[in-house]
PDB file of all heavy atoms in Angstrom:
ATOM      1  N   LEU A   1      21.839  36.457 -26.453  1.00  0.00           N
ATOM      2  CA  LEU A   1      22.875  35.554 -25.952  1.00  0.00           C
ATOM      3  C   LEU A   1      24.225  35.863 -26.577  1.00  0.00           C
ATOM      4  O   LEU A   1      25.254  35.898 -25.882  1.00  0.00           O
ATOM      5  CB  LEU A   1      22.474  34.107 -26.234  1.00  0.00           C
ATOM      6  CG  LEU A   1      23.463  33.021 -25.787  1.00  0.00           C
ATOM      7  CD1 LEU A   1      23.604  33.019 -24.280  1.00  0.00           C
ATOM      8  CD2 LEU A   1      23.018  31.664 -26.281  1.00  0.00           C
ATOM      9  N   VAL A   2      24.242  36.124 -27.883  1.00  0.00           N
ATOM     10  CA  VAL A   2      25.505  36.410 -28.560  1.00  0.00           C
ATOM     11  C   VAL A   2      26.059  37.761 -28.130  1.00  0.00           C
ATOM     12  O   VAL A   2      27.251  37.902 -27.824  1.00  0.00           O
ATOM     13  CB  VAL A   2      25.315  36.353 -30.088  1.00  0.00           C
ATOM     14  CG1 VAL A   2      26.572  36.836 -30.805  1.00  0.00           C
ATOM     15  CG2 VAL A   2      24.977  34.937 -30.522  1.00  0.00           C
ATOM     16  N   LEU A   3      25.202  38.784 -28.072  1.00  0.00           N
ATOM     17  CA  LEU A   3      25.687  40.139 -27.771  1.00  0.00           C
ATOM     18  C   LEU A   3      26.109  40.281 -26.312  1.00  0.00           C
ATOM     19  O   LEU A   3      27.145  40.882 -26.014  1.00  0.00           O
ATOM     20  CB  LEU A   3      24.606  41.162 -28.109  1.00  0.00           C
ATOM     21  CG  LEU A   3      24.274  41.316 -29.592  1.00  0.00           C
ATOM     22  CD1 LEU A   3      23.133  42.304 -29.777  1.00  0.00           C
ATOM     23  CD2 LEU A   3      25.489  41.761 -30.375  1.00  0.00           C
ATOM     24  N   VAL A   4      25.303  39.736 -25.396  1.00  0.00           N
ATOM     25  CA  VAL A   4      25.567  39.943 -23.969  1.00  0.00           C
ATOM     26  C   VAL A   4      26.644  39.000 -23.462  1.00  0.00           C
ATOM     27  O   VAL A   4      27.662  39.421 -22.900  1.00  0.00           O
ATOM     28  CB  VAL A   4      24.265  39.787 -23.154  1.00  0.00           C
ATOM     29  CG1 VAL A   4      24.555  39.880 -21.664  1.00  0.00           C
ATOM     30  CG2 VAL A   4      23.260  40.845 -23.566  1.00  0.00           C
ATOM     31  N   TYR A   5      26.446  37.702 -23.668  1.00  0.00           N
ATOM     32  CA  TYR A   5      27.365  36.732 -23.085  1.00  0.00           C
ATOM     33  C   TYR A   5      28.669  36.625 -23.877  1.00  0.00           C
ATOM     34  O   TYR A   5      29.759  36.689 -23.305  1.00  0.00           O
ATOM     35  CB  TYR A   5      26.695  35.361 -22.975  1.00  0.00           C
ATOM     36  CG  TYR A   5      25.723  35.278 -21.832  1.00  0.00           C
ATOM     37  CD1 TYR A   5      24.386  35.604 -22.004  1.00  0.00           C
ATOM     38  CD2 TYR A   5      26.151  34.899 -20.579  1.00  0.00           C
ATOM     39  CE1 TYR A   5      23.493  35.542 -20.945  1.00  0.00           C
ATOM     40  CE2 TYR A   5      25.264  34.830 -19.514  1.00  0.00           C
ATOM     41  CZ  TYR A   5      23.939  35.153 -19.718  1.00  0.00           C
ATOM     42  OH  TYR A   5      23.070  35.083 -18.662  1.00  0.00           O
ATOM     43  N   VAL A   6      28.553  36.448 -25.198  1.00  0.00           N
ATOM     44  CA  VAL A   6      29.764  36.316 -26.006  1.00  0.00           C
ATOM     45  C   VAL A   6      30.476  37.653 -26.150  1.00  0.00           C
ATOM     46  O   VAL A   6      31.698  37.741 -26.040  1.00  0.00           O
ATOM     47  CB  VAL A   6      29.426  35.731 -27.386  1.00  0.00           C
ATOM     48  CG1 VAL A   6      30.677  35.617 -28.247  1.00  0.00           C
ATOM     49  CG2 VAL A   6      28.783  34.361 -27.234  1.00  0.00           C
ATOM     50  N   GLY A   7      29.712  38.730 -26.357  1.00  0.00           N
ATOM     51  CA  GLY A   7      30.339  40.021 -26.598  1.00  0.00           C
ATOM     52  C   GLY A   7      30.816  40.733 -25.365  1.00  0.00           C
ATOM     53  O   GLY A   7      31.716  41.576 -25.446  1.00  0.00           O
ATOM     54  N   ALA A   8      30.271  40.443 -24.197  1.00  0.00           N
ATOM     55  CA  ALA A   8      30.644  41.182 -22.989  1.00  0.00           C
ATOM     56  C   ALA A   8      31.194  40.267 -21.905  1.00  0.00           C
ATOM     57  O   ALA A   8      32.328  40.428 -21.447  1.00  0.00           O
ATOM     58  CB  ALA A   8      29.429  41.957 -22.456  1.00  0.00           C
ATOM     59  N   VAL A   9      30.410  39.288 -21.500  1.00  0.00           N
ATOM     60  CA  VAL A   9      30.796  38.455 -20.359  1.00  0.00           C
ATOM     61  C   VAL A   9      32.014  37.599 -20.691  1.00  0.00           C
ATOM     62  O   VAL A   9      32.981  37.532 -19.918  1.00  0.00           O
ATOM     63  CB  VAL A   9      29.609  37.579 -19.915  1.00  0.00           C
ATOM     64  CG1 VAL A   9      30.026  36.649 -18.786  1.00  0.00           C
ATOM     65  CG2 VAL A   9      28.443  38.452 -19.490  1.00  0.00           C
ATOM     66  N   MET A  10      32.028  36.959 -21.849  1.00  0.00           N
ATOM     67  CA  MET A  10      33.137  36.082 -22.187  1.00  0.00           C
ATOM     68  C   MET A  10      34.410  36.867 -22.466  1.00  0.00           C
ATOM     69  O   MET A  10      35.514  36.383 -22.204  1.00  0.00           O
ATOM     70  CB  MET A  10      32.783  35.211 -23.386  1.00  0.00           C
ATOM     71  CG  MET A  10      31.810  34.104 -23.045  1.00  0.00           C
ATOM     72  SD  MET A  10      32.304  33.165 -21.578  1.00  0.00           S
ATOM     73  CE  MET A  10      33.954  32.669 -21.995  1.00  0.00           C
ATOM     74  N   VAL A  11      34.283  38.065 -23.026  1.00  0.00           N
ATOM     75  CA  VAL A  11      35.473  38.906 -23.203  1.00  0.00           C
ATOM     76  C   VAL A  11      36.077  39.252 -21.843  1.00  0.00           C
ATOM     77  O   VAL A  11      37.301  39.230 -21.653  1.00  0.00           O
ATOM     78  CB  VAL A  11      35.117  40.169 -23.994  1.00  0.00           C
ATOM     79  CG1 VAL A  11      36.296  41.125 -24.031  1.00  0.00           C
ATOM     80  CG2 VAL A  11      34.708  39.811 -25.412  1.00  0.00           C
ATOM     81  N   LEU A  12      35.220  39.549 -20.883  1.00  0.00           N
ATOM     82  CA  LEU A  12      35.705  39.821 -19.528  1.00  0.00           C
ATOM     83  C   LEU A  12      36.360  38.591 -18.920  1.00  0.00           C
ATOM     84  O   LEU A  12      37.421  38.682 -18.282  1.00  0.00           O
ATOM     85  CB  LEU A  12      34.545  40.290 -18.648  1.00  0.00           C
ATOM     86  CG  LEU A  12      34.864  40.608 -17.187  1.00  0.00           C
ATOM     87  CD1 LEU A  12      35.869  41.746 -17.085  1.00  0.00           C
ATOM     88  CD2 LEU A  12      33.592  40.955 -16.428  1.00  0.00           C
ATOM     89  N   PHE A  13      35.767  37.419 -19.108  1.00  0.00           N
ATOM     90  CA  PHE A  13      36.366  36.181 -18.607  1.00  0.00           C
ATOM     91  C   PHE A  13      37.753  35.960 -19.208  1.00  0.00           C
ATOM     92  O   PHE A  13      38.697  35.594 -18.510  1.00  0.00           O
ATOM     93  CB  PHE A  13      35.466  34.991 -18.929  1.00  0.00           C
ATOM     94  CG  PHE A  13      34.278  34.864 -18.013  1.00  0.00           C
ATOM     95  CD1 PHE A  13      33.337  33.861 -18.211  1.00  0.00           C
ATOM     96  CD2 PHE A  13      34.099  35.739 -16.969  1.00  0.00           C
ATOM     97  CE1 PHE A  13      32.250  33.742 -17.368  1.00  0.00           C
ATOM     98  CE2 PHE A  13      33.005  35.634 -16.121  1.00  0.00           C
ATOM     99  CZ  PHE A  13      32.081  34.636 -16.322  1.00  0.00           C
ATOM    100  N   LEU A  14      37.882  36.170 -20.523  1.00  0.00           N
ATOM    101  CA  LEU A  14      39.166  35.958 -21.173  1.00  0.00           C
ATOM    102  C   LEU A  14      40.223  36.926 -20.665  1.00  0.00           C
ATOM    103  O   LEU A  14      41.379  36.553 -20.454  1.00  0.00           O
ATOM    104  CB  LEU A  14      38.998  36.094 -22.692  1.00  0.00           C
ATOM    105  CG  LEU A  14      38.335  34.908 -23.406  1.00  0.00           C
ATOM    106  CD1 LEU A  14      38.126  35.226 -24.866  1.00  0.00           C
ATOM    107  CD2 LEU A  14      39.191  33.658 -23.267  1.00  0.00           C
ATOM    108  N   PHE A  15      39.833  38.187 -20.458  1.00  0.00           N
ATOM    109  CA  PHE A  15      40.787  39.160 -19.925  1.00  0.00           C
ATOM    110  C   PHE A  15      41.256  38.750 -18.534  1.00  0.00           C
ATOM    111  O   PHE A  15      42.452  38.820 -18.217  1.00  0.00           O
ATOM    112  CB  PHE A  15      40.155  40.556 -19.879  1.00  0.00           C
ATOM    113  CG  PHE A  15      40.356  41.334 -21.142  1.00  0.00           C
ATOM    114  CD1 PHE A  15      39.282  41.640 -21.955  1.00  0.00           C
ATOM    115  CD2 PHE A  15      41.616  41.772 -21.516  1.00  0.00           C
ATOM    116  CE1 PHE A  15      39.462  42.356 -23.129  1.00  0.00           C
ATOM    117  CE2 PHE A  15      41.805  42.489 -22.680  1.00  0.00           C
ATOM    118  CZ  PHE A  15      40.734  42.781 -23.495  1.00  0.00           C
ATOM    119  N   VAL A  16      40.317  38.334 -17.689  1.00  0.00           N
ATOM    120  CA  VAL A  16      40.681  37.955 -16.320  1.00  0.00           C
ATOM    121  C   VAL A  16      41.566  36.718 -16.320  1.00  0.00           C
ATOM    122  O   VAL A  16      42.580  36.640 -15.612  1.00  0.00           O
ATOM    123  CB  VAL A  16      39.413  37.733 -15.479  1.00  0.00           C
ATOM    124  CG1 VAL A  16      39.779  37.149 -14.115  1.00  0.00           C
ATOM    125  CG2 VAL A  16      38.651  39.037 -15.308  1.00  0.00           C
ATOM    126  N   VAL A  17      41.207  35.716 -17.128  1.00  0.00           N
ATOM    127  CA  VAL A  17      41.975  34.473 -17.157  1.00  0.00           C
ATOM    128  C   VAL A  17      43.380  34.717 -17.696  1.00  0.00           C
ATOM    129  O   VAL A  17      44.368  34.179 -17.179  1.00  0.00           O
ATOM    130  CB  VAL A  17      41.230  33.417 -17.996  1.00  0.00           C
ATOM    131  CG1 VAL A  17      42.134  32.225 -18.281  1.00  0.00           C
ATOM    132  CG2 VAL A  17      39.980  32.949 -17.272  1.00  0.00           C
ATOM    133  N   MET A  18      43.499  35.542 -18.735  1.00  0.00           N
ATOM    134  CA  MET A  18      44.798  35.781 -19.342  1.00  0.00           C
ATOM    135  C   MET A  18      45.664  36.719 -18.503  1.00  0.00           C
ATOM    136  O   MET A  18      46.890  36.693 -18.604  1.00  0.00           O
ATOM    137  CB  MET A  18      44.623  36.340 -20.753  1.00  0.00           C
ATOM    138  CG  MET A  18      43.943  35.371 -21.701  1.00  0.00           C
ATOM    139  SD  MET A  18      43.677  36.044 -23.345  1.00  0.00           S
ATOM    140  CE  MET A  18      45.352  36.112 -23.945  1.00  0.00           C
ATOM    141  N   MET A  19      45.040  37.568 -17.672  1.00  0.00           N
ATOM    142  CA  MET A  19      45.819  38.468 -16.827  1.00  0.00           C
ATOM    143  C   MET A  19      46.302  37.793 -15.550  1.00  0.00           C
ATOM    144  O   MET A  19      47.349  38.150 -15.011  1.00  0.00           O
ATOM    145  CB  MET A  19      44.986  39.705 -16.468  1.00  0.00           C
ATOM    146  CG  MET A  19      44.770  40.666 -17.625  1.00  0.00           C
ATOM    147  SD  MET A  19      43.715  42.049 -17.178  1.00  0.00           S
ATOM    148  CE  MET A  19      44.711  42.825 -15.910  1.00  0.00           C
ATOM    149  N   LEU A  20      45.550  36.809 -15.062  1.00  0.00           N
ATOM    150  CA  LEU A  20      45.951  36.117 -13.834  1.00  0.00           C
ATOM    151  C   LEU A  20      47.055  35.112 -14.128  1.00  0.00           C
ATOM    152  O   LEU A  20      47.073  34.463 -15.176  1.00  0.00           O
ATOM    153  CB  LEU A  20      44.752  35.400 -13.211  1.00  0.00           C
ATOM    154  CG  LEU A  20      43.631  36.298 -12.681  1.00  0.00           C
ATOM    155  CD1 LEU A  20      42.494  35.445 -12.161  1.00  0.00           C
ATOM    156  CD2 LEU A  20      44.134  37.218 -11.574  1.00  0.00           C
ATOM    157  N   ASP A  21      47.949  34.977 -13.206  1.00  0.00           N
ATOM    158  CA  ASP A  21      49.031  34.004 -13.333  1.00  0.00           C
ATOM    159  C   ASP A  21      48.567  32.693 -12.706  1.00  0.00           C
ATOM    160  O   ASP A  21      48.812  32.408 -11.532  1.00  0.00           O
ATOM    161  CB  ASP A  21      50.292  34.529 -12.642  1.00  0.00           C
ATOM    162  CG  ASP A  21      51.495  33.631 -12.906  1.00  0.00           C
ATOM    163  OD1 ASP A  21      51.382  32.761 -13.800  1.00  0.00           O
ATOM    164  OD2 ASP A  21      52.513  33.794 -12.228  1.00  0.00           O
ATOM    165  N   ILE A  22      47.885  31.885 -13.511  1.00  0.00           N
ATOM    166  CA  ILE A  22      47.294  30.642 -13.017  1.00  0.00           C
ATOM    167  C   ILE A  22      48.312  29.513 -13.150  1.00  0.00           C
ATOM    168  O   ILE A  22      48.887  29.295 -14.218  1.00  0.00           O
ATOM    169  CB  ILE A  22      46.007  30.302 -13.782  1.00  0.00           C
ATOM    170  CG1 ILE A  22      44.983  31.427 -13.616  1.00  0.00           C
ATOM    171  CG2 ILE A  22      45.424  28.982 -13.311  1.00  0.00           C
ATOM    172  CD1 ILE A  22      43.723  31.213 -14.412  1.00  0.00           C
ATOM    173  N   ASN A  23      48.523  28.821 -12.072  1.00  0.00           N
ATOM    174  CA  ASN A  23      49.435  27.676 -12.071  1.00  0.00           C
ATOM    175  C   ASN A  23      48.679  26.447 -12.565  1.00  0.00           C
ATOM    176  O   ASN A  23      47.832  25.886 -11.863  1.00  0.00           O
ATOM    177  CB  ASN A  23      49.984  27.447 -10.663  1.00  0.00           C
ATOM    178  CG  ASN A  23      51.127  26.450 -10.657  1.00  0.00           C
ATOM    179  OD1 ASN A  23      51.509  25.916 -11.699  1.00  0.00           O
ATOM    180  ND2 ASN A  23      51.675  26.198  -9.486  1.00  0.00           N
ATOM    181  N   LEU A  24      48.972  26.024 -13.787  1.00  0.00           N
ATOM    182  CA  LEU A  24      48.257  24.896 -14.379  1.00  0.00           C
ATOM    183  C   LEU A  24      48.610  23.575 -13.716  1.00  0.00           C
ATOM    184  O   LEU A  24      47.824  22.631 -13.745  1.00  0.00           O
ATOM    185  CB  LEU A  24      48.566  24.820 -15.881  1.00  0.00           C
ATOM    186  CG  LEU A  24      48.131  26.037 -16.706  1.00  0.00           C
ATOM    187  CD1 LEU A  24      48.528  25.829 -18.157  1.00  0.00           C
ATOM    188  CD2 LEU A  24      46.640  26.267 -16.588  1.00  0.00           C
ATOM    189  N   THR A  25      49.775  23.496 -13.123  1.00  0.00           N
ATOM    190  CA  THR A  25      50.170  22.247 -12.462  1.00  0.00           C
ATOM    191  C   THR A  25      49.258  21.934 -11.283  1.00  0.00           C
ATOM    192  O   THR A  25      48.853  20.786 -11.070  1.00  0.00           O
ATOM    193  CB  THR A  25      51.622  22.344 -11.992  1.00  0.00           C
ATOM    194  OG1 THR A  25      52.450  22.708 -13.104  1.00  0.00           O
ATOM    195  CG2 THR A  25      52.091  21.028 -11.419  1.00  0.00           C
TER     196      THR A  25
END
């Protein structure tokens, strides 16, 4: 769980979320 989800999947989620211009409003 730590290696696959935290080390790979969540890093990918963070990259996608931080790269997208999400309108919080």
